[in-house]
Protein backbone atom coordinates (compact mmCIF):
# COMPACT_ATOMS: atom_id res chain seq x y z
CA UNK A 1 44.05 40.51 -2.26
CA UNK A 2 46.41 37.51 -2.13
CA UNK A 3 45.68 34.49 0.03
CA UNK A 4 47.44 34.20 3.38
CA UNK A 5 49.31 30.94 4.02
CA UNK A 6 48.22 28.76 6.92
CA UNK A 7 51.82 28.74 8.14
CA UNK A 8 51.90 32.56 8.31
CA UNK A 9 48.67 32.63 10.29
CA UNK A 10 50.00 30.03 12.72
CA UNK A 11 53.26 31.91 13.20
CA UNK A 12 51.55 35.29 13.59
CA UNK A 13 49.30 33.84 16.29
CA UNK A 14 52.44 32.81 18.15
CA UNK A 15 54.37 36.05 17.50
CA UNK A 16 53.70 38.60 14.71
CA UNK A 17 57.31 39.72 14.78
CA UNK A 18 58.50 36.14 14.18
CA UNK A 19 56.10 35.94 11.24
CA UNK A 20 57.63 39.10 9.78
CA UNK A 21 61.15 37.65 9.84
CA UNK A 22 60.04 34.24 8.60
CA UNK A 23 58.27 35.76 5.59
CA UNK A 24 61.55 37.37 4.57
CA UNK A 25 63.24 33.97 4.27
CA UNK A 26 63.67 32.08 1.01
CA UNK A 27 61.14 29.33 0.38
CA UNK A 28 63.66 26.54 1.01
CA UNK A 29 64.49 28.03 4.41
CA UNK A 30 60.83 27.81 5.41
CA UNK A 31 60.57 24.07 4.84
CA UNK A 32 60.05 22.01 8.04
CA UNK A 33 63.16 20.23 9.33
CA UNK A 34 63.49 16.46 8.69
CA UNK A 35 62.58 15.58 12.27
CA UNK A 36 59.14 17.14 11.81
CA UNK A 37 58.49 14.95 8.79
CA UNK A 38 59.71 11.88 10.68
CA UNK A 39 57.23 12.50 13.49
CA UNK A 40 54.34 13.19 11.14
CA UNK A 41 55.14 9.94 9.35
CA UNK A 42 54.19 8.08 12.54
CA UNK A 43 50.52 8.95 11.98
CA UNK A 44 49.71 6.45 9.19
CA UNK A 45 51.46 3.71 11.18
CA UNK A 46 49.50 3.76 14.45
CA UNK A 47 48.25 0.19 14.08
CA UNK A 48 51.71 -1.23 13.41
CA UNK A 49 53.16 0.84 16.24
CA UNK A 50 50.63 -0.69 18.62
CA UNK A 51 51.85 -4.16 17.58
CA UNK A 52 55.56 -3.25 17.67
CA UNK A 53 57.94 -4.57 20.30
CA UNK A 54 59.37 -2.32 22.99
CA UNK A 55 62.76 -2.44 21.29
CA UNK A 56 61.30 -1.44 17.94
CA UNK A 57 59.31 1.38 19.50
CA UNK A 58 62.48 2.67 21.16
CA UNK A 59 63.94 3.36 17.73
CA UNK A 60 60.95 5.50 16.68
CA UNK A 61 60.78 9.32 17.10
CA UNK A 62 58.32 9.11 20.00
CA UNK A 63 58.33 11.46 22.98
CA UNK A 64 57.41 8.93 25.69
CA UNK A 65 59.01 5.75 26.99
CA UNK A 66 57.94 2.91 24.62
CA UNK A 67 55.59 1.14 27.05
CA UNK A 68 53.94 4.42 28.09
CA UNK A 69 53.57 5.44 24.44
CA UNK A 70 51.92 2.17 23.51
CA UNK A 71 49.52 2.42 26.47
CA UNK A 72 48.55 5.98 25.60
CA UNK A 73 48.04 5.23 21.92
CA UNK A 74 45.95 2.16 22.80
CA UNK A 75 43.78 4.26 25.09
CA UNK A 76 43.40 6.87 22.36
CA UNK A 77 42.28 4.17 19.92
CA UNK A 78 39.82 2.71 22.43
CA UNK A 79 38.27 6.09 23.23
CA UNK A 80 37.90 7.14 19.61
CA UNK A 81 36.68 3.73 18.44
CA UNK A 82 33.89 3.85 21.03
CA UNK A 83 32.81 7.20 19.56
CA UNK A 84 33.04 5.86 15.96
CA UNK A 85 35.89 8.22 15.05
CA UNK A 86 38.90 5.90 14.87
CA UNK A 87 37.97 4.47 11.47
CA UNK A 88 37.37 7.97 10.04
CA UNK A 89 40.76 9.12 11.24
CA UNK A 90 42.57 6.05 9.93
CA UNK A 91 40.93 6.17 6.50
CA UNK A 92 40.31 9.86 5.74
CA UNK A 93 38.70 11.11 2.57
CA UNK A 94 41.97 12.81 1.60
CA UNK A 95 45.55 13.34 2.73
CA UNK A 96 47.86 16.31 2.16
CA UNK A 97 45.03 18.31 0.60
CA UNK A 98 45.69 21.83 -0.68
CA UNK A 99 42.68 23.86 0.42
CA UNK A 100 41.99 27.39 -0.79
CA UNK A 101 39.42 29.55 0.93
CA UNK A 102 38.29 33.13 0.58
CA UNK A 103 41.19 34.56 2.56
CA UNK A 104 43.71 31.78 3.20
CA UNK A 105 45.17 28.63 1.73
CA UNK A 106 47.47 25.79 2.69
CA UNK A 107 47.89 22.08 3.22
CA UNK A 108 45.38 20.15 5.34
CA UNK A 109 47.07 16.97 6.51
CA UNK A 110 43.84 14.95 6.44
CA UNK A 111 40.26 15.67 5.45
CA UNK A 112 37.49 13.62 7.04
CA UNK A 113 34.00 13.11 5.61
CA UNK A 114 30.52 12.69 7.16
CA UNK A 115 30.95 15.41 8.34
CA UNK A 116 33.79 17.22 6.58
CA UNK A 117 36.45 18.12 9.17
CA UNK A 118 40.14 19.05 8.89
CA UNK A 119 42.87 17.15 10.72
CA UNK A 120 46.23 18.77 11.47
CA UNK A 121 49.19 16.61 12.45
CA UNK A 122 51.57 18.30 14.87
CA UNK A 123 55.16 17.28 15.53
CA UNK A 124 55.08 19.00 18.92
CA UNK A 125 53.81 18.31 22.41
CA UNK A 126 50.14 18.90 23.26
CA UNK A 127 49.22 21.26 26.09
CA UNK A 128 47.66 19.77 29.20
CA UNK A 129 44.21 20.56 27.84
CA UNK A 130 42.94 21.63 24.44
CA UNK A 131 45.41 22.83 21.82
CA UNK A 132 47.90 25.66 21.53
CA UNK A 133 46.59 29.06 20.39
CA UNK A 134 48.63 28.96 17.18
CA UNK A 135 47.17 25.54 16.37
CA UNK A 136 43.67 26.80 17.11
CA UNK A 137 44.18 29.57 14.53
CA UNK A 138 45.57 27.05 12.03
CA UNK A 139 42.57 24.76 12.59
CA UNK A 140 40.08 27.58 12.00
CA UNK A 141 41.94 28.58 8.83
CA UNK A 142 41.84 25.02 7.52
CA UNK A 143 38.15 24.68 8.35
CA UNK A 144 37.29 27.97 6.67
CA UNK A 145 39.19 27.01 3.52
CA UNK A 146 37.45 23.63 3.33
CA UNK A 147 34.08 25.23 4.09
CA UNK A 148 34.61 27.65 1.20
CA UNK A 149 35.44 24.79 -1.18
CA UNK A 150 32.67 22.46 0.00
CA UNK A 151 30.12 25.25 0.45
CA UNK A 152 29.15 24.12 3.93
CA UNK A 153 29.75 25.12 7.52
CA UNK A 154 32.50 23.29 9.42
CA UNK A 155 32.45 23.65 13.18
CA UNK A 156 35.02 21.10 14.41
CA UNK A 157 38.61 20.14 13.71
CA UNK A 158 41.17 17.60 14.92
CA UNK A 159 44.76 17.88 16.16
CA UNK A 160 46.96 14.80 16.23
CA UNK A 161 50.24 14.61 18.16
CA UNK A 162 51.81 11.37 16.85
CA UNK A 163 54.93 11.48 19.02
CA UNK A 164 52.68 11.52 22.09
CA UNK A 165 49.93 9.16 20.91
CA UNK A 166 47.35 11.90 21.50
CA UNK A 167 44.43 13.01 19.31
CA UNK A 168 42.08 15.87 20.22
CA UNK A 169 38.90 17.19 18.64
CA UNK A 170 38.07 20.85 19.14
CA UNK A 171 34.99 22.98 18.60
CA UNK A 172 35.64 26.05 16.44
CA UNK A 173 34.12 28.46 18.91
CA UNK A 174 33.52 32.18 18.57
CA UNK A 175 36.68 32.79 20.61
CA UNK A 176 38.78 30.61 18.31
CA UNK A 177 37.38 32.34 15.22
CA UNK A 178 38.19 35.72 16.75
CA UNK A 179 41.78 34.55 17.24
CA UNK A 180 41.91 33.60 13.58
CA UNK A 181 40.69 37.05 12.54
CA UNK A 182 43.33 38.73 14.72
CA UNK A 183 46.07 36.62 13.15
CA UNK A 184 44.77 37.31 9.63
CA UNK A 185 44.76 41.04 10.32
CA UNK A 186 48.25 40.87 11.83
CA UNK A 187 49.67 39.14 8.74
CA UNK A 188 48.05 41.60 6.35
CA UNK A 189 49.44 44.55 8.28
CA UNK A 190 53.05 43.30 8.20
CA UNK A 191 54.67 46.13 6.28
CA UNK A 192 57.51 46.34 8.80
CA UNK A 193 58.63 44.64 12.04
CA UNK A 194 55.74 44.80 14.54
CA UNK A 195 56.29 45.60 18.19
CA UNK A 196 57.97 42.93 20.31
CA UNK A 197 55.62 40.78 22.32
CA UNK A 198 55.54 40.95 26.11
CA UNK A 199 55.86 37.18 26.60
CA UNK A 200 59.63 36.91 26.36
CA UNK A 201 59.49 33.22 27.28
CA UNK A 202 58.76 32.62 23.61
CA UNK A 203 61.96 34.37 22.58
CA UNK A 204 64.40 31.87 24.05
CA UNK A 205 63.65 29.18 21.47
CA UNK A 206 63.08 31.55 18.55
CA UNK A 207 65.56 31.27 15.67
CA UNK A 208 65.15 35.00 15.00
CA UNK A 209 65.95 36.21 18.53
CA UNK A 210 69.34 37.66 17.56
CA UNK A 211 68.00 39.25 14.38
CA UNK A 212 65.05 40.62 16.32
CA UNK A 213 67.39 42.18 18.86
CA UNK A 214 65.50 40.88 21.89
CA UNK A 215 67.43 40.26 25.06
CA UNK A 216 66.49 37.31 27.19
CA UNK A 217 66.76 38.07 30.88
CA UNK A 218 69.60 36.53 32.87
CA UNK A 219 69.23 34.95 36.30
CA UNK A 220 71.08 37.96 37.75
CA UNK A 221 68.55 40.41 36.30
CA UNK A 222 65.61 38.26 37.41
CA UNK A 223 66.97 38.41 40.96
CA UNK A 224 67.19 42.20 40.75
CA UNK A 225 70.96 42.55 40.42
CA UNK A 226 71.12 43.72 36.82
C-alpha cells in the first residue's frame, strides 16, 4: 500500500471532499503559493527580527503591527529560553527533512533532538488555544514517520506561526492520534467525491467551492427569506 502524503492527511482532516479535488490537481498546482514561503522564511530570522527597526519590520510579511509583533516574539523567546527550548528550536538537528513512516511520508520543517520531536512551520494564524485540528493530524503524522525511522516513541510536537511570533508545543494525545487515524482512513477511501461536510463556513474560502457545487448561504436565506 502506497504512503499517504502529510499534505493529504492535513487536507482530509479539514475536509475530505477538498482532499479529493486537490489530489486530482497536477503536482505544480499543489505547490504552496509564494506568500506561504515568504512567511515560513521568517522562522530562521527570529533573532534579526527582534533587533530590526519598526520600519524594517513593517516591510516583513508579519500579521501584527510591528511593535506588537516584536513584543510577542520577545515574550515567546523568553518563555522558551526559560524552559531550555529556545536553543533547540533555533538550532535543530535537521531542516526540511523528508520522513517516511509505515503509512505516511512528507517534509518535516525541523527535527529536534534530545528528545526527537517534529516542528511544523505554519503560514497561518494560530487558534486562541492549542492548534487547529488539521495541524494536529499533520503533527501526529510527522511524529509517527520520525518514530518509525528512529525506532522510538515520540509523544510531542511543535507548531510555529512565524507571522504571529507564536510557538506552541503539543502532546500527541490519544484523541489526536485518533484524529490522525480518521484522516488516514478518509484518504485511503477516496475513490470518489465524499459527502459534503456540514460545516459550510469552511466552504467560503475553499478554492474548490464552485467545482464542488456547494452553495454558500446568503444573508437573505440566513434571515429566513430564501
